[in-house]
């Protein structure tokens, strides 16, 4: 799978308003999210994967551990393995998320 098109969504997230494309390589997983302006927040949670959020449009309020910041286009948030984190959209947004190692669920 050397090439992937992200033009058509292949999933709707468990949180209303989160839609995107989910795919993976041998060792990493990727999500390209389009987030509606009225989308719900992703509550505090953690997982064994390191996760990197690259905000490409709009802005998200991101909490990692006990630190909260607003991230916008060009900002990146790095979530270490097993650290609690949460995200709240602040209007329409888009983000590219990378997980390592491979994450089999969205």
Protein backbone atom coordinates (compact mmCIF):
# COMPACT_ATOMS: atom_id res chain seq x y z
CA UNK A 1 0.00 0.00 0.00
CA UNK A 2 2.48 2.69 -1.07
CA UNK A 3 -0.26 5.24 -1.99
CA UNK A 4 -3.50 6.14 -0.20
CA UNK A 5 -6.21 8.61 -1.18
CA UNK A 6 -7.73 10.56 1.69
CA UNK A 7 -10.35 12.26 -0.51
CA UNK A 8 -13.27 10.06 0.58
CA UNK A 9 -13.94 9.39 4.28
CA UNK A 10 -13.99 5.77 5.37
CA UNK A 11 -15.35 6.23 8.91
CA UNK A 12 -17.44 8.41 11.14
CA UNK A 13 -16.01 8.65 14.61
CA UNK A 14 -17.75 7.60 17.81
CA UNK A 15 -17.95 11.29 18.74
CA UNK A 16 -20.56 13.18 16.67
CA UNK A 17 -19.02 15.50 14.09
CA UNK A 18 -15.68 13.66 13.70
CA UNK A 19 -15.33 12.18 10.19
CA UNK A 20 -12.23 11.01 8.43
CA UNK A 21 -9.95 8.57 6.73
CA UNK A 22 -8.24 5.85 8.76
CA UNK A 23 -5.35 3.83 7.32
CA UNK A 24 -2.06 2.33 8.39
CA UNK A 25 1.40 1.33 7.33
CA UNK A 26 3.30 -1.62 8.74
CA UNK A 27 4.21 0.22 11.98
CA UNK A 28 1.99 3.34 12.23
CA UNK A 29 -1.63 4.32 11.91
CA UNK A 30 -2.99 7.55 10.46
CA UNK A 31 -6.24 9.47 10.72
CA UNK A 32 -7.18 12.47 8.61
CA UNK A 33 -10.05 14.13 10.51
CA UNK A 34 -12.56 16.72 9.37
CA UNK A 35 -14.25 18.08 12.48
CA UNK A 36 -17.60 19.88 12.34
CA UNK A 37 -17.98 23.24 14.10
CA UNK A 38 -20.49 21.72 16.54
CA UNK A 39 -18.64 18.42 17.02
CA UNK A 40 -18.43 16.85 20.45
CA UNK A 41 -15.25 16.74 22.49
CA UNK A 42 -13.07 13.66 22.88
CA UNK A 43 -12.98 13.07 26.66
CA UNK A 44 -9.86 12.29 28.69
CA UNK A 45 -8.47 8.90 27.77
CA UNK A 46 -5.14 7.17 27.26
CA UNK A 47 -3.68 4.36 25.17
CA UNK A 48 -0.36 2.64 24.74
CA UNK A 49 0.35 4.38 21.43
CA UNK A 50 2.34 7.59 21.12
CA UNK A 51 0.05 9.99 19.22
CA UNK A 52 0.92 13.13 17.24
CA UNK A 53 -1.76 15.69 16.29
CA UNK A 54 -0.99 18.06 13.40
CA UNK A 55 -3.66 20.77 13.15
CA UNK A 56 -4.15 21.88 9.53
CA UNK A 57 -7.31 24.05 9.80
CA UNK A 58 -9.27 25.70 12.59
CA UNK A 59 -8.31 25.11 16.18
CA UNK A 60 -8.60 22.52 18.93
CA UNK A 61 -8.26 22.85 22.67
CA UNK A 62 -5.92 20.00 23.56
CA UNK A 63 -5.19 18.73 27.04
CA UNK A 64 -2.19 16.45 27.55
CA UNK A 65 -1.71 15.37 31.15
CA UNK A 66 -2.32 18.52 33.21
CA UNK A 67 -1.46 21.03 30.44
CA UNK A 68 -4.07 22.58 28.12
CA UNK A 69 -3.36 24.71 25.05
CA UNK A 70 -5.21 25.88 21.96
CA UNK A 71 -3.60 24.50 18.79
CA UNK A 72 -4.18 25.93 15.33
CA UNK A 73 -2.81 25.50 11.80
CA UNK A 74 0.86 24.60 11.90
CA UNK A 75 0.75 23.52 15.54
CA UNK A 76 1.60 19.98 16.60
CA UNK A 77 0.70 18.23 19.86
CA UNK A 78 2.68 15.16 20.91
CA UNK A 79 0.91 12.77 23.29
CA UNK A 80 3.31 10.32 24.94
CA UNK A 81 2.34 6.69 25.43
CA UNK A 82 -0.10 6.07 28.32
CA UNK A 83 -0.67 9.79 29.07
CA UNK A 84 -4.26 10.99 29.48
CA UNK A 85 -5.40 13.51 26.89
CA UNK A 86 -8.57 15.17 25.60
CA UNK A 87 -9.57 17.34 22.62
CA UNK A 88 -12.28 19.94 22.18
CA UNK A 89 -12.99 21.53 18.77
CA UNK A 90 -13.26 25.32 18.74
CA UNK A 91 -15.23 25.50 15.50
CA UNK A 92 -14.63 23.67 12.20
CA UNK A 93 -11.18 22.05 12.11
CA UNK A 94 -9.01 19.51 10.32
CA UNK A 95 -6.18 17.44 11.75
CA UNK A 96 -3.81 14.67 10.75
CA UNK A 97 -3.09 12.19 13.55
CA UNK A 98 -0.26 9.63 13.58
CA UNK A 99 0.02 6.77 16.09
CA UNK A 100 3.03 4.60 16.77
CA UNK A 101 3.10 1.69 17.11
CA UNK A 102 0.29 0.61 14.85
CA UNK A 103 -3.15 1.28 16.32
CA UNK A 104 -5.84 -1.04 15.05
CA UNK A 105 -8.84 0.91 16.33
CA UNK A 106 -9.80 4.51 15.65
